[in-house]
Amino acid sequence: MAVTGVVWEYLRLEVRRTLRDTGFVIGGVAMPVAMYLLFTNLGDGDDSGWKTASMVGMAAYGAMNSALNTGAGVAEDRSTGWLRQLRITPMTPRQVVIGRALTGAVTVLPALVAVLAAGGLVNGVRLDLWKWAAIALLLWLGSIPFTLLGLGNGYRLTAQTTGVANMACNLVLAVVGGLWFPLALFPEWLRSLSAYTPTNRFAQLGTAVADGHAPTLGTVLVLSLWLLAFGSYAVTSYRRTARTV
């Protein structure tokens, strides 16, 4: 089978495994939608600007959560011996990592689509068609650093520890990055710190488009630096695992 065919079959297998996981569907898709609808319909619920910004932030949160979940699958594969079995297949280690990264890229889509759909169909968010498409595309691409972070945790930590680490990363990055609450509610020092987090800049990819302009150079630069950092972490973690599995 061709190289691309091997990776494609592996990708199909891993995507099916992930989407059949009830915990992933509830925590990765249903929970961000429920949180978005709850946060935006408390009180008088007539702030359309907040509904749009929160939609982008919660879509980013759902995508990050799903991306990190890729690492949990890796850790489970290590504990069950699945990674060892993959080493005796025609797939190279590079193909295995690429397949897992592509799995993360695919499995973030349900959360993104679900939250954006809730914004448009339930909360009445109105945007030009090109804005909807651009927001979805940019958030999809912007989730890659979090997939790499999840992979790094999965290759380096045990299955149980990976779950705890991903939960901690998810919570801290979501709160500090302003995905749940408006940054205006933060103290000045926390707003300054938030600007350097990957989650804050991740959400800005979508909010910039919703406001009618392209993401800033600073946003792209900060996300690129985090991409390199998390990518290096994933590579070193995999190499460490390769020596022990």
Protein backbone atom coordinates (compact mmCIF):
# COMPACT_ATOMS: atom_id res chain seq x y z
CA MET A 1 0.00 0.00 0.00
CA ALA A 2 1.28 3.47 -0.79
CA VAL A 3 2.59 5.64 2.02
CA THR A 4 -0.31 8.04 1.77
CA GLY A 5 -2.69 5.08 1.78
CA VAL A 6 -1.23 3.77 5.02
CA VAL A 7 -1.57 7.14 6.74
CA TRP A 8 -5.09 7.53 5.37
CA GLU A 9 -6.22 4.17 6.74
CA TYR A 10 -4.64 4.93 10.10
CA LEU A 11 -6.35 8.33 10.14
CA ARG A 12 -9.73 6.75 9.39
CA LEU A 13 -9.25 4.24 12.20
CA GLU A 14 -8.29 6.85 14.78
CA VAL A 15 -11.07 9.27 13.79
CA ARG A 16 -13.68 6.51 14.09
CA ARG A 17 -12.31 5.52 17.49
CA THR A 18 -12.46 9.10 18.73
CA LEU A 19 -15.92 9.95 17.43
CA ARG A 20 -17.35 6.76 18.96
CA ASP A 21 -16.11 7.82 22.39
CA THR A 22 -19.11 9.03 24.39
CA GLY A 23 -16.87 11.08 26.67
CA PHE A 24 -15.47 12.94 23.68
CA VAL A 25 -18.93 13.71 22.27
CA ILE A 26 -20.24 14.99 25.61
CA GLY A 27 -17.15 16.81 26.86
CA GLY A 28 -15.75 17.94 23.51
CA VAL A 29 -18.91 18.90 21.65
CA ALA A 30 -21.99 19.12 23.86
CA MET A 31 -20.30 20.88 26.80
CA PRO A 32 -18.94 23.91 24.85
CA VAL A 33 -22.36 24.41 23.25
CA ALA A 34 -24.13 24.21 26.61
CA MET A 35 -21.65 26.63 28.22
CA TYR A 36 -22.00 29.07 25.33
CA LEU A 37 -25.79 29.12 25.50
CA LEU A 38 -25.72 29.44 29.28
CA PHE A 39 -23.16 32.26 29.41
CA THR A 40 -24.88 34.29 26.69
CA ASN A 41 -28.46 33.96 27.91
CA LEU A 42 -28.04 34.96 31.53
CA GLY A 43 -29.69 38.26 32.45
CA ASP A 44 -31.40 40.23 29.69
CA GLY A 45 -29.51 38.34 26.97
CA ASP A 46 -29.75 41.14 24.38
CA ASP A 47 -26.01 41.93 23.93
CA SER A 48 -25.38 40.79 20.35
CA GLY A 49 -21.71 41.81 20.53
CA TRP A 50 -21.10 39.55 23.53
CA LYS A 51 -22.98 36.69 21.84
CA THR A 52 -20.65 36.94 18.85
CA ALA A 53 -17.45 37.27 20.88
CA SER A 54 -18.50 34.47 23.22
CA MET A 55 -19.36 32.27 20.23
CA VAL A 56 -15.83 32.65 18.90
CA GLY A 57 -14.30 32.15 22.35
CA MET A 58 -16.34 29.05 23.11
CA ALA A 59 -15.70 27.60 19.64
CA ALA A 60 -11.98 28.11 20.34
CA TYR A 61 -12.41 26.44 23.73
CA GLY A 62 -14.19 23.45 22.20
CA ALA A 63 -11.51 23.12 19.51
CA MET A 64 -8.73 23.30 22.10
CA ASN A 65 -10.43 20.69 24.28
CA SER A 66 -10.79 18.31 21.33
CA ALA A 67 -7.21 18.96 20.20
CA LEU A 68 -5.82 18.16 23.64
CA ASN A 69 -7.93 15.00 23.71
CA THR A 70 -5.69 13.63 20.94
CA GLY A 71 -2.95 13.27 23.53
CA ALA A 72 -5.21 11.26 25.82
CA GLY A 73 -5.66 8.76 23.00
CA VAL A 74 -1.90 8.50 22.56
CA ALA A 75 -1.38 7.84 26.27
CA GLU A 76 -4.03 5.10 26.20
CA ASP A 77 -2.34 3.54 23.16
CA ARG A 78 0.93 3.44 25.08
CA SER A 79 -0.67 1.77 28.09
CA THR A 80 -2.44 -0.88 25.99
CA GLY A 81 0.59 -1.64 23.81
CA TRP A 82 -0.98 -0.25 20.64
CA LEU A 83 2.06 1.94 19.93
CA ARG A 84 4.26 -1.13 20.16
CA GLN A 85 2.04 -2.90 17.64
CA LEU A 86 2.27 0.07 15.27
CA ARG A 87 6.05 -0.26 15.29
CA ILE A 88 5.82 -3.65 13.55
CA THR A 89 3.56 -2.30 10.78
CA PRO A 90 4.88 -0.70 7.56
CA MET A 91 4.21 2.73 9.08
CA THR A 92 7.24 4.79 10.04
CA PRO A 93 7.28 6.72 13.34
CA ARG A 94 6.89 9.93 11.35
CA GLN A 95 3.75 8.57 9.69
CA VAL A 96 2.31 7.57 13.05
CA VAL A 97 2.82 11.08 14.42
CA ILE A 98 1.41 12.67 11.27
CA GLY A 99 -1.60 10.37 11.45
CA ARG A 100 -2.27 11.35 15.04
CA ALA A 101 -1.85 15.04 14.28
CA LEU A 102 -4.29 14.74 11.38
CA THR A 103 -6.72 12.96 13.70
CA GLY A 104 -6.60 15.97 16.00
CA ALA A 105 -7.19 18.28 13.03
CA VAL A 106 -10.30 16.34 12.04
CA THR A 107 -11.79 15.85 15.48
CA VAL A 108 -11.77 19.57 16.35
CA LEU A 109 -14.31 20.18 13.57
CA PRO A 110 -17.43 18.88 15.39
CA ALA A 111 -16.93 21.30 18.30
CA LEU A 112 -16.26 24.23 15.97
CA VAL A 113 -19.30 23.55 13.82
CA ALA A 114 -21.58 22.89 16.80
CA VAL A 115 -20.77 26.14 18.62
CA LEU A 116 -20.91 28.25 15.46
CA ALA A 117 -24.24 26.64 14.57
CA ALA A 118 -25.58 27.42 18.04
CA GLY A 119 -24.54 31.04 17.58
CA GLY A 120 -26.30 31.39 14.25
CA LEU A 121 -29.36 29.23 14.79
CA VAL A 122 -30.10 29.72 18.50
CA ASN A 123 -28.55 33.06 19.48
CA GLY A 124 -29.27 34.81 16.20
CA VAL A 125 -25.68 35.85 15.43
CA ARG A 126 -25.62 37.36 11.95
CA LEU A 127 -22.43 37.53 9.89
CA ASP A 128 -21.57 37.60 6.21
CA LEU A 129 -21.07 34.16 4.71
CA TRP A 130 -17.38 34.79 4.11
CA LYS A 131 -16.93 35.68 7.77
CA TRP A 132 -18.47 32.40 8.92
CA ALA A 133 -16.17 30.49 6.57
CA ALA A 134 -13.07 32.50 7.55
CA ILE A 135 -13.74 32.12 11.28
CA ALA A 136 -14.16 28.36 10.94
CA LEU A 137 -11.02 28.02 8.82
CA LEU A 138 -8.82 30.20 11.03
CA LEU A 139 -9.95 28.50 14.25
CA TRP A 140 -9.39 25.12 12.63
CA LEU A 141 -5.83 26.02 11.62
CA GLY A 142 -5.22 27.80 14.92
CA SER A 143 -5.98 24.63 16.88
CA ILE A 144 -2.80 22.92 15.63
CA PRO A 145 -0.57 24.14 18.52
CA PHE A 146 -2.98 22.61 21.04
CA THR A 147 -2.95 19.29 19.18
CA LEU A 148 0.84 19.31 19.50
CA LEU A 149 0.60 20.15 23.20
CA GLY A 150 -1.79 17.24 23.70
CA LEU A 151 0.51 14.90 21.77
CA GLY A 152 3.47 16.01 23.86
CA ASN A 153 1.58 15.23 27.06
CA GLY A 154 0.38 11.90 25.69
CA TYR A 155 3.82 10.72 24.61
CA ARG A 156 5.51 11.87 27.81
CA LEU A 157 3.00 11.05 30.57
CA THR A 158 0.95 8.07 31.69
CA ALA A 159 -2.69 7.75 30.63
CA GLN A 160 -3.99 8.94 34.01
CA THR A 161 -1.49 11.77 34.32
CA THR A 162 -2.18 12.90 30.75
CA GLY A 163 -5.86 13.33 31.56
CA VAL A 164 -5.03 15.48 34.58
CA ALA A 165 -2.41 17.51 32.68
CA ASN A 166 -4.76 18.13 29.76
CA MET A 167 -7.56 19.16 32.11
CA ALA A 168 -5.23 21.60 33.88
CA CYS A 169 -3.95 23.03 30.58
CA ASN A 170 -7.51 23.32 29.30
CA LEU A 171 -8.80 25.13 32.38
CA VAL A 172 -5.86 27.50 32.88
CA LEU A 173 -5.49 28.43 29.22
CA ALA A 174 -9.25 28.92 28.76
CA VAL A 175 -9.65 31.17 31.80
CA VAL A 176 -6.43 33.19 31.47
CA GLY A 177 -6.86 33.45 27.72
CA GLY A 178 -10.31 34.99 28.09
CA LEU A 179 -12.26 32.28 26.29
CA TRP A 180 -14.99 32.15 28.94
CA PHE A 181 -15.25 35.72 30.19
CA PRO A 182 -14.61 39.17 28.67
CA LEU A 183 -11.09 40.47 29.24
CA ALA A 184 -12.63 43.73 30.47
CA LEU A 185 -13.50 41.90 33.69
CA PHE A 186 -9.84 41.01 34.32
CA PRO A 187 -7.47 43.12 36.42
CA GLU A 188 -4.88 45.03 34.43
CA TRP A 189 -2.00 42.64 35.19
CA LEU A 190 -4.04 39.64 34.04
CA ARG A 191 -5.09 41.38 30.82
CA SER A 192 -1.42 42.02 30.09
CA LEU A 193 -0.55 38.37 30.76
CA SER A 194 -3.46 37.14 28.66
CA ALA A 195 -2.09 38.84 25.55
CA TYR A 196 0.83 36.40 25.55
CA THR A 197 -1.23 33.24 25.91
CA PRO A 198 -1.94 31.04 22.87
CA THR A 199 -5.64 30.89 23.70
CA ASN A 200 -6.12 34.65 23.72
CA ARG A 201 -4.46 35.00 20.33
CA PHE A 202 -6.28 31.90 19.10
CA ALA A 203 -9.65 33.52 19.80
CA GLN A 204 -8.46 36.78 18.24
CA LEU A 205 -8.17 34.98 14.91
CA GLY A 206 -11.94 34.70 14.90
CA THR A 207 -12.94 37.92 16.65
CA ALA A 208 -10.85 39.96 14.21
CA VAL A 209 -12.73 38.49 11.26
CA ALA A 210 -16.08 38.97 13.01
CA ASP A 211 -15.16 42.66 13.42
CA GLY A 212 -14.37 42.90 9.72
CA HIS A 213 -10.57 42.93 9.59
CA ALA A 214 -7.64 40.52 9.34
CA PRO A 215 -5.84 39.18 12.43
CA THR A 216 -2.96 41.39 13.54
CA LEU A 217 0.68 40.56 12.93
CA GLY A 218 1.15 40.28 16.70
CA THR A 219 -1.52 37.59 16.87
CA VAL A 220 0.12 35.56 14.12
CA LEU A 221 3.58 35.99 15.66
CA VAL A 222 2.54 34.91 19.17
CA LEU A 223 0.68 31.87 17.83
CA SER A 224 3.67 30.94 15.64
CA LEU A 225 5.99 31.02 18.65
CA TRP A 226 3.62 28.79 20.62
CA LEU A 227 3.39 26.46 17.62
CA LEU A 228 7.18 26.07 17.64
CA ALA A 229 7.26 25.59 21.41
CA PHE A 230 4.51 22.95 21.51
CA GLY A 231 5.89 21.29 18.37
CA SER A 232 9.32 20.95 19.96
CA TYR A 233 7.68 19.55 23.09
CA ALA A 234 5.79 16.93 21.05
CA VAL A 235 8.92 15.87 19.14
CA THR A 236 11.10 15.52 22.25
CA SER A 237 8.32 13.63 24.04
CA TYR A 238 7.95 11.21 21.14
CA ARG A 239 11.69 10.61 20.97
CA ARG A 240 11.69 9.87 24.68
CA THR A 241 8.87 7.38 24.22
CA ALA A 242 10.62 5.75 21.26
CA ARG A 243 13.49 4.79 23.57
CA THR A 244 11.20 3.10 26.08
CA VAL A 245 8.30 1.62 24.09
